[in-house]
């Protein structure tokens, strides 16, 4: 983030660990207040496998959890490759 020269607006946690591991999110964000990123511990603990903000409204850089469906993404990509191979 230091290389972004203040351009970062948000941090997104997704995928299995990002969606379901509040402790991991907390450890990743520890000591990031210097750049305007902070977590709301209650929000962070409450959001698991669902979409939601986990930073305080006053944070300069917001933090969100956004679920992803990796299996569906991989299946669609495989189907596209299969269609190309059989055409």
N, C-alpha and C. Protein backbone atom coordinates (compact mmCIF):
# COMPACT_ATOMS: atom_id res chain seq x y z
N UNK A 1 0.81 -1.19 0.00
CA UNK A 1 0.00 0.00 0.00
C UNK A 1 0.86 1.26 0.00
N UNK A 2 2.04 1.16 0.55
CA UNK A 2 2.91 2.33 0.58
C UNK A 2 3.22 2.80 -0.84
N UNK A 3 3.32 1.85 -1.78
CA UNK A 3 3.61 2.19 -3.16
C UNK A 3 2.45 2.82 -3.89
N UNK A 4 1.28 2.83 -3.32
CA UNK A 4 0.11 3.40 -3.99
C UNK A 4 0.00 4.90 -3.79
N UNK A 5 0.87 5.46 -2.97
CA UNK A 5 0.91 6.90 -2.75
C UNK A 5 -0.46 7.45 -2.34
N UNK A 6 -1.12 6.77 -1.43
CA UNK A 6 -2.40 7.25 -0.93
C UNK A 6 -3.58 6.95 -1.82
N UNK A 7 -3.40 6.16 -2.87
CA UNK A 7 -4.48 5.92 -3.83
C UNK A 7 -5.43 4.80 -3.41
N UNK A 8 -5.06 4.00 -2.41
CA UNK A 8 -5.92 2.88 -2.00
C UNK A 8 -7.17 3.42 -1.32
N UNK A 9 -8.31 2.86 -1.68
CA UNK A 9 -9.57 3.25 -1.07
C UNK A 9 -10.16 2.15 -0.22
N UNK A 10 -9.77 0.89 -0.50
CA UNK A 10 -10.35 -0.22 0.24
C UNK A 10 -9.44 -1.44 0.17
N UNK A 11 -9.63 -2.31 1.15
CA UNK A 11 -9.01 -3.63 1.16
C UNK A 11 -10.15 -4.62 1.19
N UNK A 12 -10.06 -5.64 0.34
CA UNK A 12 -11.12 -6.63 0.23
C UNK A 12 -10.58 -7.99 0.67
N UNK A 13 -11.31 -8.66 1.55
CA UNK A 13 -11.00 -10.03 1.91
C UNK A 13 -12.02 -10.92 1.24
N UNK A 14 -11.54 -11.96 0.57
CA UNK A 14 -12.42 -12.87 -0.14
C UNK A 14 -11.84 -14.27 -0.04
N UNK A 15 -12.48 -15.20 -0.67
CA UNK A 15 -12.05 -16.59 -0.67
C UNK A 15 -12.26 -17.22 0.69
N UNK A 16 -11.94 -18.47 0.83
CA UNK A 16 -12.27 -19.23 2.04
C UNK A 16 -11.73 -18.59 3.31
N UNK A 17 -10.45 -18.32 3.36
CA UNK A 17 -9.86 -17.76 4.57
C UNK A 17 -10.31 -16.31 4.76
N UNK A 18 -10.28 -15.52 3.71
CA UNK A 18 -10.68 -14.13 3.81
C UNK A 18 -12.12 -13.95 4.25
N UNK A 19 -12.97 -14.87 3.84
CA UNK A 19 -14.40 -14.79 4.19
C UNK A 19 -14.70 -15.31 5.58
N UNK A 20 -13.92 -16.25 6.07
CA UNK A 20 -14.31 -17.00 7.26
C UNK A 20 -13.33 -16.96 8.42
N UNK A 21 -12.29 -16.16 8.35
CA UNK A 21 -11.28 -16.17 9.41
C UNK A 21 -11.03 -14.77 9.97
N UNK A 22 -11.89 -14.33 10.89
CA UNK A 22 -11.71 -13.00 11.47
C UNK A 22 -10.33 -12.79 12.11
N UNK A 23 -9.79 -13.82 12.74
CA UNK A 23 -8.47 -13.67 13.36
C UNK A 23 -7.39 -13.42 12.32
N UNK A 24 -7.45 -14.10 11.20
CA UNK A 24 -6.48 -13.88 10.12
C UNK A 24 -6.62 -12.46 9.58
N UNK A 25 -7.86 -12.01 9.36
CA UNK A 25 -8.06 -10.63 8.88
C UNK A 25 -7.49 -9.63 9.87
N UNK A 26 -7.74 -9.87 11.16
CA UNK A 26 -7.23 -8.97 12.19
C UNK A 26 -5.70 -8.92 12.17
N UNK A 27 -5.06 -10.08 12.07
CA UNK A 27 -3.60 -10.13 12.06
C UNK A 27 -3.03 -9.44 10.83
N UNK A 28 -3.67 -9.60 9.70
CA UNK A 28 -3.19 -8.94 8.48
C UNK A 28 -3.28 -7.43 8.60
N UNK A 29 -4.32 -6.94 9.24
CA UNK A 29 -4.55 -5.50 9.34
C UNK A 29 -3.88 -4.84 10.55
N UNK A 30 -3.31 -5.65 11.43
CA UNK A 30 -2.67 -5.08 12.62
C UNK A 30 -1.63 -4.03 12.23
N UNK A 31 -1.59 -3.00 13.00
CA UNK A 31 -0.61 -1.92 12.85
C UNK A 31 -0.66 -1.24 11.49
N UNK A 32 -1.84 -1.17 10.89
CA UNK A 32 -1.99 -0.50 9.59
C UNK A 32 -2.64 0.87 9.74
N UNK A 33 -2.81 1.33 10.97
CA UNK A 33 -3.44 2.63 11.19
C UNK A 33 -2.65 3.75 10.53
N UNK A 34 -1.34 3.54 10.35
CA UNK A 34 -0.48 4.57 9.76
C UNK A 34 -0.96 4.99 8.37
N UNK A 35 -1.66 4.08 7.68
CA UNK A 35 -2.13 4.42 6.33
C UNK A 35 -3.64 4.66 6.29
N UNK A 36 -4.28 4.68 7.46
CA UNK A 36 -5.71 4.96 7.51
C UNK A 36 -6.59 3.72 7.51
N UNK A 37 -5.99 2.55 7.67
CA UNK A 37 -6.74 1.30 7.68
C UNK A 37 -6.90 0.81 9.11
N UNK A 38 -8.12 0.49 9.49
CA UNK A 38 -8.36 -0.09 10.81
C UNK A 38 -9.60 -0.97 10.74
N UNK A 39 -9.68 -1.90 11.68
CA UNK A 39 -10.84 -2.80 11.76
C UNK A 39 -11.71 -2.43 12.94
N UNK A 40 -12.99 -2.67 12.79
CA UNK A 40 -13.92 -2.64 13.90
C UNK A 40 -13.99 -4.08 14.39
N UNK A 41 -13.46 -4.34 15.59
CA UNK A 41 -13.36 -5.72 16.08
C UNK A 41 -14.70 -6.43 16.14
N UNK A 42 -15.76 -5.73 16.50
CA UNK A 42 -17.09 -6.35 16.56
C UNK A 42 -17.61 -6.72 15.18
N UNK A 43 -17.46 -5.80 14.22
CA UNK A 43 -17.89 -6.09 12.85
C UNK A 43 -17.07 -7.24 12.28
N UNK A 44 -15.76 -7.20 12.50
CA UNK A 44 -14.89 -8.25 11.98
C UNK A 44 -15.29 -9.62 12.53
N UNK A 45 -15.59 -9.70 13.80
CA UNK A 45 -15.98 -10.97 14.41
C UNK A 45 -17.33 -11.45 13.89
N UNK A 46 -18.21 -10.54 13.52
CA UNK A 46 -19.57 -10.89 13.11
C UNK A 46 -19.68 -11.33 11.65
N UNK A 47 -18.77 -10.89 10.81
CA UNK A 47 -18.89 -11.17 9.37
C UNK A 47 -18.11 -12.43 9.02
N UNK A 48 -18.86 -13.48 8.69
CA UNK A 48 -18.27 -14.75 8.26
C UNK A 48 -19.09 -15.29 7.10
N UNK A 49 -18.45 -15.46 5.97
CA UNK A 49 -19.14 -16.03 4.82
C UNK A 49 -20.24 -15.16 4.25
N UNK A 50 -20.21 -13.88 4.59
CA UNK A 50 -21.22 -12.95 4.10
C UNK A 50 -20.53 -11.65 3.71
N UNK A 51 -21.19 -10.88 2.90
CA UNK A 51 -20.65 -9.59 2.48
C UNK A 51 -20.88 -8.55 3.57
N UNK A 52 -19.86 -7.73 3.81
CA UNK A 52 -20.05 -6.66 4.78
C UNK A 52 -18.79 -5.88 5.07
N UNK A 53 -18.97 -4.66 5.54
CA UNK A 53 -17.82 -3.86 5.95
C UNK A 53 -17.32 -4.33 7.31
N UNK A 54 -16.01 -4.28 7.50
CA UNK A 54 -15.46 -4.67 8.80
C UNK A 54 -14.55 -3.58 9.36
N UNK A 55 -14.61 -2.41 8.76
CA UNK A 55 -13.86 -1.26 9.27
C UNK A 55 -14.84 -0.25 9.84
N UNK A 56 -14.35 0.64 10.71
CA UNK A 56 -15.25 1.69 11.21
C UNK A 56 -15.59 2.66 10.08
N UNK A 57 -16.74 3.28 10.17
CA UNK A 57 -17.16 4.23 9.14
C UNK A 57 -16.17 5.37 8.98
N UNK A 58 -15.44 5.68 10.02
CA UNK A 58 -14.50 6.80 9.98
C UNK A 58 -13.15 6.45 9.36
N UNK A 59 -12.92 5.19 9.00
CA UNK A 59 -11.63 4.78 8.44
C UNK A 59 -11.38 5.46 7.10
N UNK A 60 -10.15 5.85 6.87
CA UNK A 60 -9.80 6.46 5.59
C UNK A 60 -9.73 5.39 4.49
N UNK A 61 -9.23 4.21 4.83
CA UNK A 61 -9.24 3.06 3.91
C UNK A 61 -10.19 2.03 4.51
N UNK A 62 -11.24 1.72 3.79
CA UNK A 62 -12.25 0.81 4.29
C UNK A 62 -11.86 -0.65 4.03
N UNK A 63 -12.38 -1.53 4.85
CA UNK A 63 -12.10 -2.96 4.73
C UNK A 63 -13.43 -3.69 4.62
N UNK A 64 -13.52 -4.58 3.63
CA UNK A 64 -14.76 -5.32 3.37
C UNK A 64 -14.47 -6.81 3.23
N UNK A 65 -15.48 -7.60 3.52
CA UNK A 65 -15.48 -9.02 3.20
C UNK A 65 -16.46 -9.18 2.05
N UNK A 66 -16.00 -9.82 0.97
CA UNK A 66 -16.87 -10.07 -0.18
C UNK A 66 -16.69 -11.53 -0.59
N UNK A 67 -17.72 -12.35 -0.37
CA UNK A 67 -17.61 -13.77 -0.72
C UNK A 67 -17.38 -13.98 -2.22
N UNK A 68 -16.67 -15.04 -2.52
CA UNK A 68 -16.47 -15.43 -3.92
C UNK A 68 -16.87 -16.89 -4.08
N UNK A 69 -17.24 -17.24 -5.26
CA UNK A 69 -17.61 -18.62 -5.56
C UNK A 69 -16.53 -19.17 -6.49
N UNK A 70 -15.40 -19.53 -5.89
CA UNK A 70 -14.25 -19.97 -6.68
C UNK A 70 -14.55 -21.19 -7.54
N UNK A 71 -15.33 -22.11 -7.01
CA UNK A 71 -15.64 -23.33 -7.76
C UNK A 71 -16.40 -22.99 -9.04
N UNK A 72 -17.34 -22.07 -8.97
CA UNK A 72 -18.11 -21.68 -10.16
C UNK A 72 -17.21 -20.97 -11.16
N UNK A 73 -16.30 -20.14 -10.69
CA UNK A 73 -15.39 -19.43 -11.59
C UNK A 73 -14.51 -20.44 -12.33
N UNK A 74 -13.97 -21.41 -11.59
CA UNK A 74 -13.13 -22.43 -12.21
C UNK A 74 -13.94 -23.27 -13.20
N UNK A 75 -15.16 -23.64 -12.84
CA UNK A 75 -16.01 -24.45 -13.72
C UNK A 75 -16.32 -23.69 -15.01
N UNK A 76 -16.63 -22.40 -14.92
CA UNK A 76 -16.92 -21.61 -16.13
C UNK A 76 -15.68 -21.53 -17.02
N UNK A 77 -14.52 -21.31 -16.42
CA UNK A 77 -13.28 -21.23 -17.20
C UNK A 77 -12.98 -22.56 -17.88
N UNK A 78 -13.19 -23.66 -17.16
CA UNK A 78 -12.96 -24.99 -17.75
C UNK A 78 -13.93 -25.24 -18.89
N UNK A 79 -15.18 -24.84 -18.73
CA UNK A 79 -16.18 -25.03 -19.79
C UNK A 79 -15.81 -24.24 -21.03
N UNK A 80 -15.33 -23.01 -20.84
CA UNK A 80 -14.89 -22.20 -22.00
C UNK A 80 -13.74 -22.88 -22.73
N UNK A 81 -12.77 -23.38 -21.98
CA UNK A 81 -11.63 -24.08 -22.59
C UNK A 81 -12.10 -25.33 -23.33
N UNK A 82 -13.01 -26.07 -22.71
CA UNK A 82 -13.53 -27.30 -23.33
C UNK A 82 -14.24 -26.97 -24.64
N UNK A 83 -15.06 -25.92 -24.65
CA UNK A 83 -15.77 -25.52 -25.87
C UNK A 83 -14.79 -25.16 -26.97
N UNK A 84 -13.70 -24.46 -26.63
CA UNK A 84 -12.69 -24.09 -27.63
C UNK A 84 -11.99 -25.33 -28.18
N UNK A 85 -11.69 -26.28 -27.31
CA UNK A 85 -10.98 -27.49 -27.72
C UNK A 85 -11.83 -28.36 -28.63
N UNK A 86 -13.15 -28.37 -28.44
CA UNK A 86 -14.02 -29.26 -29.22
C UNK A 86 -14.61 -28.55 -30.44
N UNK A 87 -14.33 -27.29 -30.63
CA UNK A 87 -14.87 -26.56 -31.80
C UNK A 87 -14.03 -26.79 -33.02
